[in-house]
PDB file of all heavy atoms in Angstrom:
ATOM      1  N   ILE A   1      21.143 -66.623  14.345  1.00  0.00           N
ATOM      2  CA  ILE A   1      22.011 -65.603  14.926  1.00  0.00           C
ATOM      3  C   ILE A   1      21.686 -64.279  14.250  1.00  0.00           C
ATOM      4  O   ILE A   1      21.500 -64.220  13.038  1.00  0.00           O
ATOM      5  CB  ILE A   1      23.499 -65.952  14.710  1.00  0.00           C
ATOM      6  CG1 ILE A   1      23.835 -67.256  15.435  1.00  0.00           C
ATOM      7  CG2 ILE A   1      24.400 -64.832  15.187  1.00  0.00           C
ATOM      8  CD1 ILE A   1      25.250 -67.722  15.237  1.00  0.00           C
ATOM      9  N   GLY A   2      21.627 -63.226  15.036  1.00  0.00           N
ATOM     10  CA  GLY A   2      21.359 -61.901  14.487  1.00  0.00           C
ATOM     11  C   GLY A   2      22.412 -60.904  14.928  1.00  0.00           C
ATOM     12  O   GLY A   2      23.070 -61.084  15.945  1.00  0.00           O
ATOM     13  N   THR A   3      22.548 -59.845  14.154  1.00  0.00           N
ATOM     14  CA  THR A   3      23.559 -58.840  14.462  1.00  0.00           C
ATOM     15  C   THR A   3      23.049 -57.599  15.182  1.00  0.00           C
ATOM     16  O   THR A   3      23.868 -56.829  15.683  1.00  0.00           O
ATOM     17  CB  THR A   3      24.285 -58.394  13.182  1.00  0.00           C
ATOM     18  OG1 THR A   3      23.317 -57.859  12.274  1.00  0.00           O
ATOM     19  CG2 THR A   3      25.021 -59.558  12.543  1.00  0.00           C
ATOM     20  N   PRO A   4      21.731 -57.335  15.287  1.00  0.00           N
ATOM     21  CA  PRO A   4      21.292 -56.080  15.903  1.00  0.00           C
ATOM     22  C   PRO A   4      21.812 -55.848  17.320  1.00  0.00           C
ATOM     23  O   PRO A   4      22.149 -54.723  17.672  1.00  0.00           O
ATOM     24  CB  PRO A   4      19.763 -56.182  15.890  1.00  0.00           C
ATOM     25  CG  PRO A   4      19.464 -57.041  14.725  1.00  0.00           C
ATOM     26  CD  PRO A   4      20.584 -58.056  14.706  1.00  0.00           C
ATOM     27  N   ALA A   5      21.899 -56.888  18.124  1.00  0.00           N
ATOM     28  CA  ALA A   5      22.350 -56.701  19.505  1.00  0.00           C
ATOM     29  C   ALA A   5      23.789 -56.200  19.581  1.00  0.00           C
ATOM     30  O   ALA A   5      24.124 -55.401  20.453  1.00  0.00           O
ATOM     31  CB  ALA A   5      22.208 -57.998  20.296  1.00  0.00           C
ATOM     32  N   VAL A   6      24.633 -56.651  18.662  1.00  0.00           N
ATOM     33  CA  VAL A   6      26.031 -56.208  18.710  1.00  0.00           C
ATOM     34  C   VAL A   6      26.241 -54.891  17.973  1.00  0.00           C
ATOM     35  O   VAL A   6      27.043 -54.062  18.404  1.00  0.00           O
ATOM     36  CB  VAL A   6      27.011 -57.294  18.219  1.00  0.00           C
ATOM     37  CG1 VAL A   6      27.028 -58.464  19.170  1.00  0.00           C
ATOM     38  CG2 VAL A   6      26.707 -57.748  16.821  1.00  0.00           C
ATOM     39  N   THR A   7      25.526 -54.682  16.875  1.00  0.00           N
ATOM     40  CA  THR A   7      25.685 -53.407  16.170  1.00  0.00           C
ATOM     41  C   THR A   7      25.109 -52.252  16.986  1.00  0.00           C
ATOM     42  O   THR A   7      25.649 -51.147  16.952  1.00  0.00           O
ATOM     43  CB  THR A   7      25.048 -53.437  14.768  1.00  0.00           C
ATOM     44  OG1 THR A   7      23.665 -53.766  14.874  1.00  0.00           O
ATOM     45  CG2 THR A   7      25.754 -54.435  13.872  1.00  0.00           C
ATOM     46  N   ALA A   8      24.047 -52.520  17.737  1.00  0.00           N
ATOM     47  CA  ALA A   8      23.476 -51.478  18.603  1.00  0.00           C
ATOM     48  C   ALA A   8      24.452 -51.092  19.708  1.00  0.00           C
ATOM     49  O   ALA A   8      24.374 -49.991  20.254  1.00  0.00           O
ATOM     50  CB  ALA A   8      22.155 -51.953  19.214  1.00  0.00           C
ATOM     51  N   ARG A   9      25.388 -51.989  20.001  1.00  0.00           N
ATOM     52  CA  ARG A   9      26.384 -51.711  21.031  1.00  0.00           C
ATOM     53  C   ARG A   9      27.690 -51.186  20.435  1.00  0.00           C
ATOM     54  O   ARG A   9      28.696 -51.056  21.124  1.00  0.00           O
ATOM     55  CB  ARG A   9      26.619 -52.971  21.856  1.00  0.00           C
ATOM     56  CG  ARG A   9      25.360 -53.334  22.654  1.00  0.00           C
ATOM     57  CD  ARG A   9      25.436 -54.686  23.305  1.00  0.00           C
ATOM     58  NE  ARG A   9      26.203 -54.645  24.537  1.00  0.00           N
ATOM     59  CZ  ARG A   9      26.279 -55.673  25.382  1.00  0.00           C
ATOM     60  NH1 ARG A   9      25.642 -56.796  25.117  1.00  0.00           N
ATOM     61  NH2 ARG A   9      26.995 -55.569  26.468  1.00  0.00           N
ATOM     62  N   GLY A  10      27.673 -50.892  19.120  1.00  0.00           N
ATOM     63  CA  GLY A  10      28.810 -50.230  18.499  1.00  0.00           C
ATOM     64  C   GLY A  10      29.821 -51.119  17.816  1.00  0.00           C
ATOM     65  O   GLY A  10      30.849 -50.631  17.345  1.00  0.00           O
ATOM     66  N   LEU A  11      29.583 -52.417  17.729  1.00  0.00           N
ATOM     67  CA  LEU A  11      30.540 -53.285  17.062  1.00  0.00           C
ATOM     68  C   LEU A  11      30.429 -53.136  15.549  1.00  0.00           C
ATOM     69  O   LEU A  11      29.373 -52.829  15.018  1.00  0.00           O
ATOM     70  CB  LEU A  11      30.334 -54.736  17.481  1.00  0.00           C
ATOM     71  CG  LEU A  11      31.023 -55.097  18.809  1.00  0.00           C
ATOM     72  CD1 LEU A  11      30.287 -54.520  19.974  1.00  0.00           C
ATOM     73  CD2 LEU A  11      31.169 -56.578  18.953  1.00  0.00           C
ATOM     74  N   LYS A  12      31.534 -53.358  14.875  1.00  0.00           N
ATOM     75  CA  LYS A  12      31.656 -53.187  13.427  1.00  0.00           C
ATOM     76  C   LYS A  12      32.034 -54.514  12.769  1.00  0.00           C
ATOM     77  O   LYS A  12      32.181 -55.530  13.440  1.00  0.00           O
ATOM     78  CB  LYS A  12      32.722 -52.125  13.105  1.00  0.00           C
ATOM     79  CG  LYS A  12      32.467 -50.781  13.749  1.00  0.00           C
ATOM     80  CD  LYS A  12      31.289 -50.093  13.128  1.00  0.00           C
ATOM     81  CE  LYS A  12      31.104 -48.704  13.747  1.00  0.00           C
ATOM     82  NZ  LYS A  12      29.816 -48.151  13.512  1.00  0.00           N
ATOM     83  N   GLU A  13      32.250 -54.460  11.440  1.00  0.00           N
ATOM     84  CA  GLU A  13      32.543 -55.653  10.671  1.00  0.00           C
ATOM     85  C   GLU A  13      33.752 -56.417  11.207  1.00  0.00           C
ATOM     86  O   GLU A  13      33.732 -57.645  11.298  1.00  0.00           O
ATOM     87  CB  GLU A  13      32.775 -55.311   9.189  1.00  0.00           C
ATOM     88  CG  GLU A  13      31.529 -54.883   8.455  1.00  0.00           C
ATOM     89  CD  GLU A  13      31.187 -53.405   8.626  1.00  0.00           C
ATOM     90  OE1 GLU A  13      31.926 -52.653   9.309  1.00  0.00           O
ATOM     91  OE2 GLU A  13      30.154 -52.988   8.076  1.00  0.00           O
ATOM     92  N   GLU A  14      34.807 -55.710  11.565  1.00  0.00           N
ATOM     93  CA  GLU A  14      36.010 -56.391  12.060  1.00  0.00           C
ATOM     94  C   GLU A  14      35.743 -57.126  13.378  1.00  0.00           C
ATOM     95  O   GLU A  14      36.377 -58.140  13.671  1.00  0.00           O
ATOM     96  CB  GLU A  14      37.184 -55.428  12.196  1.00  0.00           C
ATOM     97  CG  GLU A  14      36.962 -54.270  13.138  1.00  0.00           C
ATOM     98  CD  GLU A  14      36.342 -53.022  12.511  1.00  0.00           C
ATOM     99  OE1 GLU A  14      35.867 -53.071  11.357  1.00  0.00           O
ATOM    100  OE2 GLU A  14      36.324 -51.991  13.187  1.00  0.00           O
ATOM    101  N   ASP A  15      34.793 -56.624  14.158  1.00  0.00           N
ATOM    102  CA  ASP A  15      34.429 -57.300  15.405  1.00  0.00           C
ATOM    103  C   ASP A  15      33.684 -58.602  15.131  1.00  0.00           C
ATOM    104  O   ASP A  15      33.762 -59.545  15.917  1.00  0.00           O
ATOM    105  CB  ASP A  15      33.559 -56.384  16.273  1.00  0.00           C
ATOM    106  CG  ASP A  15      34.281 -55.103  16.661  1.00  0.00           C
ATOM    107  OD1 ASP A  15      35.416 -55.194  17.176  1.00  0.00           O
ATOM    108  OD2 ASP A  15      33.709 -54.020  16.450  1.00  0.00           O
ATOM    109  N   MET A  16      32.961 -58.645  14.017  1.00  0.00           N
ATOM    110  CA  MET A  16      32.207 -59.850  13.674  1.00  0.00           C
ATOM    111  C   MET A  16      33.154 -61.026  13.429  1.00  0.00           C
ATOM    112  O   MET A  16      32.833 -62.166  13.736  1.00  0.00           O
ATOM    113  CB  MET A  16      31.323 -59.628  12.450  1.00  0.00           C
ATOM    114  CG  MET A  16      30.294 -58.534  12.612  1.00  0.00           C
ATOM    115  SD  MET A  16      29.280 -58.754  14.091  1.00  0.00           S
ATOM    116  CE  MET A  16      28.563 -57.121  14.191  1.00  0.00           C
ATOM    117  N   LYS A  17      34.328 -60.746  12.893  1.00  0.00           N
ATOM    118  CA  LYS A  17      35.314 -61.812  12.680  1.00  0.00           C
ATOM    119  C   LYS A  17      35.738 -62.417  14.012  1.00  0.00           C
ATOM    120  O   LYS A  17      35.924 -63.630  14.117  1.00  0.00           O
ATOM    121  CB  LYS A  17      36.520 -61.276  11.924  1.00  0.00           C
ATOM    122  CG  LYS A  17      36.199 -60.859  10.510  1.00  0.00           C
ATOM    123  CD  LYS A  17      37.393 -60.266   9.813  1.00  0.00           C
ATOM    124  CE  LYS A  17      37.003 -59.813   8.402  1.00  0.00           C
ATOM    125  NZ  LYS A  17      38.147 -59.270   7.670  1.00  0.00           N
ATOM    126  N   VAL A  18      35.878 -61.590  15.030  1.00  0.00           N
ATOM    127  CA  VAL A  18      36.240 -62.066  16.369  1.00  0.00           C
ATOM    128  C   VAL A  18      35.106 -62.917  16.939  1.00  0.00           C
ATOM    129  O   VAL A  18      35.337 -63.983  17.510  1.00  0.00           O
ATOM    130  CB  VAL A  18      36.561 -60.876  17.306  1.00  0.00           C
ATOM    131  CG1 VAL A  18      36.811 -61.344  18.720  1.00  0.00           C
ATOM    132  CG2 VAL A  18      37.741 -60.080  16.775  1.00  0.00           C
ATOM    133  N   ILE A  19      33.871 -62.455  16.749  1.00  0.00           N
ATOM    134  CA  ILE A  19      32.710 -63.203  17.247  1.00  0.00           C
ATOM    135  C   ILE A  19      32.600 -64.549  16.529  1.00  0.00           C
ATOM    136  O   ILE A  19      32.337 -65.578  17.166  1.00  0.00           O
ATOM    137  CB  ILE A  19      31.427 -62.365  17.100  1.00  0.00           C
ATOM    138  CG1 ILE A  19      31.496 -61.144  18.028  1.00  0.00           C
ATOM    139  CG2 ILE A  19      30.186 -63.214  17.398  1.00  0.00           C
ATOM    140  CD1 ILE A  19      30.407 -60.114  17.789  1.00  0.00           C
ATOM    141  N   VAL A  20      32.823 -64.559  15.221  1.00  0.00           N
ATOM    142  CA  VAL A  20      32.781 -65.819  14.476  1.00  0.00           C
ATOM    143  C   VAL A  20      33.850 -66.769  15.002  1.00  0.00           C
ATOM    144  O   VAL A  20      33.604 -67.968  15.150  1.00  0.00           O
ATOM    145  CB  VAL A  20      32.943 -65.575  12.957  1.00  0.00           C
ATOM    146  CG1 VAL A  20      33.232 -66.876  12.213  1.00  0.00           C
ATOM    147  CG2 VAL A  20      31.697 -64.909  12.407  1.00  0.00           C
ATOM    148  N   ASP A  21      35.031 -66.255  15.299  1.00  0.00           N
ATOM    149  CA  ASP A  21      36.087 -67.101  15.858  1.00  0.00           C
ATOM    150  C   ASP A  21      35.632 -67.714  17.180  1.00  0.00           C
ATOM    151  O   ASP A  21      35.867 -68.894  17.436  1.00  0.00           O
ATOM    152  CB  ASP A  21      37.373 -66.295  16.056  1.00  0.00           C
ATOM    153  CG  ASP A  21      38.476 -67.151  16.636  1.00  0.00           C
ATOM    154  OD1 ASP A  21      38.922 -68.097  15.940  1.00  0.00           O
ATOM    155  OD2 ASP A  21      38.874 -66.912  17.797  1.00  0.00           O
ATOM    156  N   MET A  22      34.969 -66.928  18.010  1.00  0.00           N
ATOM    157  CA  MET A  22      34.469 -67.443  19.292  1.00  0.00           C
ATOM    158  C   MET A  22      33.448 -68.558  19.067  1.00  0.00           C
ATOM    159  O   MET A  22      33.519 -69.612  19.706  1.00  0.00           O
ATOM    160  CB  MET A  22      33.840 -66.316  20.103  1.00  0.00           C
ATOM    161  CG  MET A  22      34.804 -65.271  20.579  1.00  0.00           C
ATOM    162  SD  MET A  22      33.875 -63.932  21.379  1.00  0.00           S
ATOM    163  CE  MET A  22      35.161 -62.745  21.677  1.00  0.00           C
ATOM    164  N   ILE A  23      32.509 -68.323  18.159  1.00  0.00           N
ATOM    165  CA  ILE A  23      31.488 -69.332  17.853  1.00  0.00           C
ATOM    166  C   ILE A  23      32.140 -70.592  17.307  1.00  0.00           C
ATOM    167  O   ILE A  23      31.814 -71.714  17.712  1.00  0.00           O
ATOM    168  CB  ILE A  23      30.443 -68.764  16.872  1.00  0.00           C
ATOM    169  CG1 ILE A  23      29.625 -67.664  17.552  1.00  0.00           C
ATOM    170  CG2 ILE A  23      29.536 -69.868  16.344  1.00  0.00           C
ATOM    171  CD1 ILE A  23      28.738 -66.860  16.616  1.00  0.00           C
ATOM    172  N   ASP A  24      33.084 -70.426  16.399  1.00  0.00           N
ATOM    173  CA  ASP A  24      33.780 -71.563  15.797  1.00  0.00           C
ATOM    174  C   ASP A  24      34.526 -72.381  16.842  1.00  0.00           C
ATOM    175  O   ASP A  24      34.503 -73.612  16.818  1.00  0.00           O
ATOM    176  CB  ASP A  24      34.739 -71.073  14.710  1.00  0.00           C
ATOM    177  CG  ASP A  24      35.422 -72.219  13.995  1.00  0.00           C
ATOM    178  OD1 ASP A  24      34.719 -73.122  13.499  1.00  0.00           O
ATOM    179  OD2 ASP A  24      36.671 -72.216  13.933  1.00  0.00           O
ATOM    180  N   ARG A  25      35.185 -71.710  17.774  1.00  0.00           N
ATOM    181  CA  ARG A  25      35.906 -72.444  18.826  1.00  0.00           C
ATOM    182  C   ARG A  25      34.957 -73.267  19.673  1.00  0.00           C
ATOM    183  O   ARG A  25      35.284 -74.381  20.076  1.00  0.00           O
ATOM    184  CB  ARG A  25      36.719 -71.491  19.692  1.00  0.00           C
ATOM    185  CG  ARG A  25      37.996 -71.063  18.986  1.00  0.00           C
ATOM    186  CD  ARG A  25      38.914 -70.302  19.880  1.00  0.00           C
ATOM    187  NE  ARG A  25      38.373 -68.955  20.065  1.00  0.00           N
ATOM    188  CZ  ARG A  25      38.506 -68.236  21.170  1.00  0.00           C
ATOM    189  NH1 ARG A  25      39.170 -68.703  22.197  1.00  0.00           N
ATOM    190  NH2 ARG A  25      38.002 -67.031  21.241  1.00  0.00           N
ATOM    191  N   ILE A  26      33.769 -72.733  19.941  1.00  0.00           N
ATOM    192  CA  ILE A  26      32.797 -73.497  20.720  1.00  0.00           C
ATOM    193  C   ILE A  26      32.284 -74.690  19.914  1.00  0.00           C
ATOM    194  O   ILE A  26      32.224 -75.815  20.417  1.00  0.00           O
ATOM    195  CB  ILE A  26      31.649 -72.592  21.199  1.00  0.00           C
ATOM    196  CG1 ILE A  26      32.182 -71.637  22.279  1.00  0.00           C
ATOM    197  CG2 ILE A  26      30.479 -73.419  21.741  1.00  0.00           C
ATOM    198  CD1 ILE A  26      31.216 -70.578  22.714  1.00  0.00           C
TER     199      ILE A  26
END
């Protein structure tokens, strides 16, 4: 998993927690 695609779209550290929650639920 890499972060460039989401950081290039303006997401920040707090958004990564939301993404991790999504991955964890799956």
